[in-house]
């Protein structure tokens, strides 16, 4: 049932590097569009207050993904909000920042153009964090204790260019040995080897629960099959509809939130970008036990 998905999961590291961020992003490409979703839990600081921690509180939430120009999506991982040490100045707020990016870019902006625009902003945007690392005001031990372990930030930018699904990641990552910051490092997000360029899935961030979805006989695998029985039978490689891809994204994010509540949680936001036409974004405040239903003719018999 999950053979296609298990094949994909082994290749996901080719698309996205692992991260200790308090975020999970699921990205599904289908023949008719792209669906990308992220959880909304804002991770509170675990250690002594740092300039990048701000005033986060347990259970706080935020939107970590946004639809731009009705056809592009940007997801934010690792740091979503930061205040100055005295808490009087907001140094970074993803939602405010990405709204300004949207307002200051052309309506015809391409995926690669938006990626370049964001890339050129990143070191200036995070100058406060770069300065703290370079001046040794923040050490690796403090970063780990404060839940701001490397990388500093990662953006995932997706959309269509000339009818082709295109995605990039941009990462700023500290080098703790030299106390410098590398990047932004730009990576083209391509379909894993053996996958169709219009039918594949990739992940970024926390995947504690999701990784078990693709292990035979686990609780998470059974839960996934129950939540999306239609989609789990099809597999990504067969090509999902946009609705089915959205169900996959929601199911996987829900399973990760259940398995990994310290780092991942509701609400989740799902952005859908059709190959033709305008996209849309929807936010879901609660989990759902079943997102699709098998036809009666193929439903398992009750014992």
Protein backbone atom coordinates (compact mmCIF):
# COMPACT_ATOMS: atom_id res chain seq x y z
CA UNK A 1 0.00 0.00 0.00
CA UNK A 2 2.76 2.46 0.92
CA UNK A 3 5.53 1.19 -1.36
CA UNK A 4 5.63 4.35 -3.44
CA UNK A 5 5.78 6.54 -0.33
CA UNK A 6 8.48 4.42 1.31
CA UNK A 7 10.62 4.72 -1.81
CA UNK A 8 10.21 8.48 -1.73
CA UNK A 9 11.05 8.83 1.97
CA UNK A 10 14.46 7.22 1.43
CA UNK A 11 15.29 9.96 -1.05
CA UNK A 12 13.92 12.96 0.81
CA UNK A 13 17.32 13.93 2.19
CA UNK A 14 18.33 14.76 -1.37
CA UNK A 15 15.75 17.53 -1.31
CA UNK A 16 15.98 18.97 2.20
CA UNK A 17 18.59 18.71 4.93
CA UNK A 18 17.39 17.72 8.38
CA UNK A 19 16.86 20.45 10.93
CA UNK A 20 16.17 20.78 14.63
CA UNK A 21 13.75 23.60 13.88
CA UNK A 22 10.38 23.79 15.59
CA UNK A 23 8.74 23.41 12.20
CA UNK A 24 7.66 20.73 9.79
CA UNK A 25 7.13 21.49 6.12
CA UNK A 26 5.55 18.97 3.73
CA UNK A 27 5.80 19.70 0.00
CA UNK A 28 3.89 17.66 -2.61
CA UNK A 29 4.10 18.14 -6.37
CA UNK A 30 1.24 16.77 -8.49
CA UNK A 31 0.49 16.88 -12.23
CA UNK A 32 -2.00 19.71 -11.62
CA UNK A 33 -0.29 21.76 -8.92
CA UNK A 34 1.88 22.14 -5.84
CA UNK A 35 0.68 21.77 -2.25
CA UNK A 36 2.92 22.87 0.62
CA UNK A 37 2.06 23.06 4.30
CA UNK A 38 3.64 23.96 7.63
CA UNK A 39 2.71 23.66 11.28
CA UNK A 40 2.10 26.74 13.40
CA UNK A 41 3.70 26.11 16.80
CA UNK A 42 6.03 28.86 18.02
CA UNK A 43 8.73 27.20 20.08
CA UNK A 44 9.34 28.82 23.49
CA UNK A 45 12.94 29.23 24.69
CA UNK A 46 14.28 26.31 26.70
CA UNK A 47 17.32 28.04 28.16
CA UNK A 48 18.53 31.49 29.23
CA UNK A 49 17.01 34.43 27.31
CA UNK A 50 18.83 35.33 24.13
CA UNK A 51 18.30 38.23 21.77
CA UNK A 52 16.75 35.91 19.19
CA UNK A 53 14.24 34.38 21.58
CA UNK A 54 11.99 37.35 22.17
CA UNK A 55 8.97 36.80 24.41
CA UNK A 56 7.68 33.49 23.11
CA UNK A 57 5.39 31.67 25.52
CA UNK A 58 4.35 28.01 25.69
CA UNK A 59 1.50 27.29 23.30
CA UNK A 60 2.06 30.42 21.21
CA UNK A 61 1.34 30.03 17.49
CA UNK A 62 2.29 31.76 14.28
CA UNK A 63 1.91 31.39 10.52
CA UNK A 64 5.10 30.03 8.99
CA UNK A 65 4.03 30.02 5.36
CA UNK A 66 2.50 32.60 3.04
CA UNK A 67 1.04 32.76 -0.45
CA UNK A 68 2.53 35.60 -2.54
CA UNK A 69 1.21 37.00 -5.83
CA UNK A 70 -1.52 34.31 -5.66
CA UNK A 71 0.94 31.84 -7.24
CA UNK A 72 4.12 31.62 -5.12
CA UNK A 73 4.67 30.24 -1.63
CA UNK A 74 7.37 30.94 0.96
CA UNK A 75 7.78 28.79 4.08
CA UNK A 76 9.95 29.81 7.03
CA UNK A 77 11.87 27.38 9.25
CA UNK A 78 14.00 27.77 12.39
CA UNK A 79 13.39 31.34 13.58
CA UNK A 80 10.00 32.98 13.08
CA UNK A 81 10.12 35.79 15.63
CA UNK A 82 12.82 37.72 17.52
CA UNK A 83 13.01 40.65 19.93
CA UNK A 84 15.90 42.65 21.30
CA UNK A 85 17.34 41.61 24.69
CA UNK A 86 15.35 44.36 26.44
CA UNK A 87 12.19 43.23 24.57
CA UNK A 88 11.50 46.74 23.25
CA UNK A 89 12.31 46.17 19.57
CA UNK A 90 11.04 43.48 17.22
CA UNK A 91 14.09 42.35 15.27
CA UNK A 92 12.30 39.86 13.06
CA UNK A 93 8.73 38.75 12.53
CA UNK A 94 8.25 36.43 9.55
CA UNK A 95 4.68 37.48 8.81
CA UNK A 96 5.53 41.20 8.77
CA UNK A 97 8.73 40.59 6.83
CA UNK A 98 7.19 38.40 4.12
CA UNK A 99 4.27 40.81 3.72
CA UNK A 100 6.79 43.56 2.98
CA UNK A 101 8.54 41.27 0.49
CA UNK A 102 5.20 40.73 -1.23
CA UNK A 103 4.50 44.47 -1.36
CA UNK A 104 7.94 45.36 -2.74
CA UNK A 105 8.17 42.79 -5.53
CA UNK A 106 6.70 42.88 -9.01
CA UNK A 107 3.38 41.16 -9.72
CA UNK A 108 5.11 39.11 -12.43
CA UNK A 109 7.93 37.97 -10.15
CA UNK A 110 9.19 34.47 -10.98
CA UNK A 111 10.18 31.78 -8.47
CA UNK A 112 13.86 32.31 -9.24
CA UNK A 113 13.40 36.09 -9.11
CA UNK A 114 11.72 35.93 -5.71
CA UNK A 115 14.42 33.57 -4.47
CA UNK A 116 17.12 36.02 -5.54
CA UNK A 117 15.25 38.93 -3.94
CA UNK A 118 14.91 37.10 -0.61
CA UNK A 119 18.51 35.88 -0.81
CA UNK A 120 19.72 39.48 -1.10
CA UNK A 121 17.76 40.44 2.05
CA UNK A 122 18.79 37.65 4.38
CA UNK A 123 22.13 38.80 5.77
CA UNK A 124 20.72 42.28 6.39
CA UNK A 125 17.55 40.89 7.96
CA UNK A 126 19.55 38.68 10.33
CA UNK A 127 22.45 41.07 10.92
CA UNK A 128 21.59 41.02 14.64
CA UNK A 129 22.08 37.25 14.81
CA UNK A 130 25.17 37.26 12.60
CA UNK A 131 26.76 39.97 14.77
CA UNK A 132 26.00 38.01 17.95
CA UNK A 133 27.66 34.89 16.54
CA UNK A 134 30.68 36.69 15.11
CA UNK A 135 31.28 38.57 18.37
CA UNK A 136 30.98 35.32 20.42
CA UNK A 137 27.99 36.74 22.31
CA UNK A 138 26.12 33.59 21.36
CA UNK A 139 27.82 30.22 21.64
CA UNK A 140 26.75 26.88 20.24
CA UNK A 141 25.84 25.71 23.74
CA UNK A 142 23.59 28.73 24.26
CA UNK A 143 22.00 28.24 20.86
CA UNK A 144 21.17 24.61 21.61
CA UNK A 145 19.84 25.50 25.07
CA UNK A 146 17.72 28.28 23.59
CA UNK A 147 16.20 26.09 20.85
CA UNK A 148 17.93 28.10 18.11
CA UNK A 149 20.34 25.44 16.93
CA UNK A 150 21.68 25.71 13.35
CA UNK A 151 20.66 26.77 10.84
CA UNK A 152 19.65 30.31 11.76
CA UNK A 153 16.88 30.36 9.18
CA UNK A 154 15.75 28.44 6.12
CA UNK A 155 13.24 29.52 3.52
CA UNK A 156 11.53 27.27 1.01
CA UNK A 157 10.23 29.06 -2.08
CA UNK A 158 8.02 27.23 -4.58
CA UNK A 159 5.89 27.94 -7.63
CA UNK A 160 5.73 27.49 -11.38
CA UNK A 161 7.98 28.87 -14.11
CA UNK A 162 6.80 28.32 -17.67
CA UNK A 163 4.52 25.55 -16.48
CA UNK A 164 7.30 23.69 -14.64
CA UNK A 165 7.22 23.22 -10.82
CA UNK A 166 10.25 24.93 -9.31
CA UNK A 167 11.48 25.13 -5.74
CA UNK A 168 14.50 26.50 -3.90
CA UNK A 169 15.76 26.49 -0.34
CA UNK A 170 17.82 29.33 1.13
CA UNK A 171 19.76 28.74 4.34
CA UNK A 172 21.85 30.82 6.74
CA UNK A 173 23.91 28.51 8.92
CA UNK A 174 26.48 29.33 11.60
CA UNK A 175 29.95 27.81 11.66
CA UNK A 176 30.56 27.52 15.39
CA UNK A 177 34.25 26.65 15.00
CA UNK A 178 35.02 29.92 13.21
CA UNK A 179 32.12 31.95 14.63
CA UNK A 180 31.03 32.99 11.17
CA UNK A 181 27.78 32.54 9.26
CA UNK A 182 27.66 30.74 5.93
CA UNK A 183 25.23 31.68 3.21
CA UNK A 184 22.65 32.27 2.13
CA UNK A 185 23.17 28.84 0.56
CA UNK A 186 20.79 28.29 -2.34
CA UNK A 187 19.70 24.79 -3.33
CA UNK A 188 17.43 23.82 -6.20
CA UNK A 189 14.76 21.42 -4.97
CA UNK A 190 14.50 18.67 -7.56
CA UNK A 191 12.50 15.47 -7.73
CA UNK A 192 14.34 12.57 -6.08
CA UNK A 193 16.03 10.14 -8.44
CA UNK A 194 13.47 7.78 -9.93
CA UNK A 195 10.55 10.12 -9.27
CA UNK A 196 8.52 11.94 -11.88
CA UNK A 197 9.15 15.71 -11.92
CA UNK A 198 5.40 16.28 -11.53
CA UNK A 199 4.68 13.65 -8.85
CA UNK A 200 6.85 13.59 -5.74
CA UNK A 201 7.02 14.61 -2.10
CA UNK A 202 9.68 16.21 0.10
CA UNK A 203 9.97 17.17 3.77
CA UNK A 204 11.89 19.65 5.87
CA UNK A 205 12.34 20.17 9.58
CA UNK A 206 10.95 17.85 12.22
CA UNK A 207 10.05 14.37 10.95
CA UNK A 208 9.99 12.22 14.10
CA UNK A 209 6.46 10.94 13.52
CA UNK A 210 6.41 11.20 9.74
CA UNK A 211 9.45 8.96 9.38
CA UNK A 212 7.55 6.18 11.15
CA UNK A 213 4.65 6.50 8.71
CA UNK A 214 6.81 4.71 6.18
CA UNK A 215 7.83 1.83 8.46
CA UNK A 216 5.73 -1.30 8.12
CA UNK A 217 3.48 -2.09 11.08
CA UNK A 218 4.02 1.11 13.08
CA UNK A 219 1.25 3.00 14.82
CA UNK A 220 1.93 5.97 12.56
CA UNK A 221 1.62 3.88 9.39
CA UNK A 222 -1.74 2.53 10.49
CA UNK A 223 -2.87 6.01 11.50
CA UNK A 224 -1.85 7.43 8.14
CA UNK A 225 -3.73 4.72 6.26
CA UNK A 226 -6.81 5.45 8.37
CA UNK A 227 -6.62 9.21 7.81
CA UNK A 228 -6.08 9.09 4.06
CA UNK A 229 -7.00 5.58 2.84
CA UNK A 230 -7.48 6.71 -0.77
CA UNK A 231 -4.18 8.61 -0.97
CA UNK A 232 -2.17 5.94 0.84
CA UNK A 233 -3.27 3.39 -1.78
CA UNK A 234 -2.43 5.69 -4.68
CA UNK A 235 1.03 6.79 -3.54
CA UNK A 236 2.66 10.01 -4.71
CA UNK A 237 4.14 8.41 -7.80
CA UNK A 238 0.70 7.80 -9.29
CA UNK A 239 -0.15 11.50 -9.33
CA UNK A 240 -2.57 12.95 -6.79
CA UNK A 241 -5.29 15.54 -7.32
CA UNK A 242 -4.81 18.84 -5.51
CA UNK A 243 -7.42 17.83 -2.93
CA UNK A 244 -5.68 14.50 -2.37
CA UNK A 245 -2.28 16.20 -2.07
CA UNK A 246 -3.76 18.58 0.50
CA UNK A 247 -5.07 15.59 2.44
CA UNK A 248 -1.58 14.04 2.42
CA UNK A 249 0.00 17.24 3.70
CA UNK A 250 -2.61 17.65 6.44
CA UNK A 251 -2.38 14.01 7.50
CA UNK A 252 1.42 14.02 7.76
CA UNK A 253 1.52 17.31 9.65
CA UNK A 254 -1.17 16.05 12.01
CA UNK A 255 0.76 12.85 12.70
CA UNK A 256 3.96 14.82 13.34
CA UNK A 257 2.13 17.15 15.72
CA UNK A 258 0.77 14.17 17.64
CA UNK A 259 4.12 12.36 17.80
CA UNK A 260 6.28 15.43 18.39
CA UNK A 261 4.20 17.98 20.37
CA UNK A 262 7.22 19.76 21.85
CA UNK A 263 8.33 21.02 18.45
CA UNK A 264 5.32 20.77 16.12
CA UNK A 265 1.67 21.70 16.57
CA UNK A 266 -1.56 23.16 15.27
CA UNK A 267 -2.72 25.27 13.58
CA UNK A 268 -1.39 24.07 10.25
CA UNK A 269 -1.49 26.13 7.08
CA UNK A 270 -1.67 24.58 3.63
CA UNK A 271 -0.95 26.54 0.45
CA UNK A 272 -2.17 25.19 -2.88
CA UNK A 273 -0.72 26.50 -6.15
CA UNK A 274 -2.46 25.17 -9.28
CA UNK A 275 -0.39 24.77 -12.42
CA UNK A 276 -2.90 27.13 -14.04
CA UNK A 277 -4.77 29.85 -12.14
CA UNK A 278 -4.56 31.48 -8.74
CA UNK A 279 -3.56 29.70 -5.57
CA UNK A 280 -5.11 29.71 -2.12
CA UNK A 281 -4.13 29.21 1.51
CA UNK A 282 -6.15 27.56 4.26
CA UNK A 283 -5.43 27.25 7.96
CA UNK A 284 -6.73 24.38 10.07
CA UNK A 285 -6.98 24.81 13.84
CA UNK A 286 -7.74 21.20 14.75
CA UNK A 287 -6.72 17.71 13.72
CA UNK A 288 -9.00 15.44 11.68
CA UNK A 289 -9.10 11.68 12.12
CA UNK A 290 -10.19 10.91 8.52
CA UNK A 291 -9.68 13.09 5.44
CA UNK A 292 -10.84 10.68 2.74
CA UNK A 293 -13.06 7.60 2.45
CA UNK A 294 -12.64 4.52 0.33
CA UNK A 295 -15.54 3.54 -1.94
CA UNK A 296 -17.75 0.91 -0.30
CA UNK A 297 -16.72 -1.60 -2.93
CA UNK A 298 -13.12 -1.68 -1.62
CA UNK A 299 -13.59 -0.92 2.06
CA UNK A 300 -12.09 -3.54 4.39
CA UNK A 301 -14.61 -6.07 5.67
CA UNK A 302 -15.57 -5.74 9.31
CA UNK A 303 -14.70 -8.76 11.42
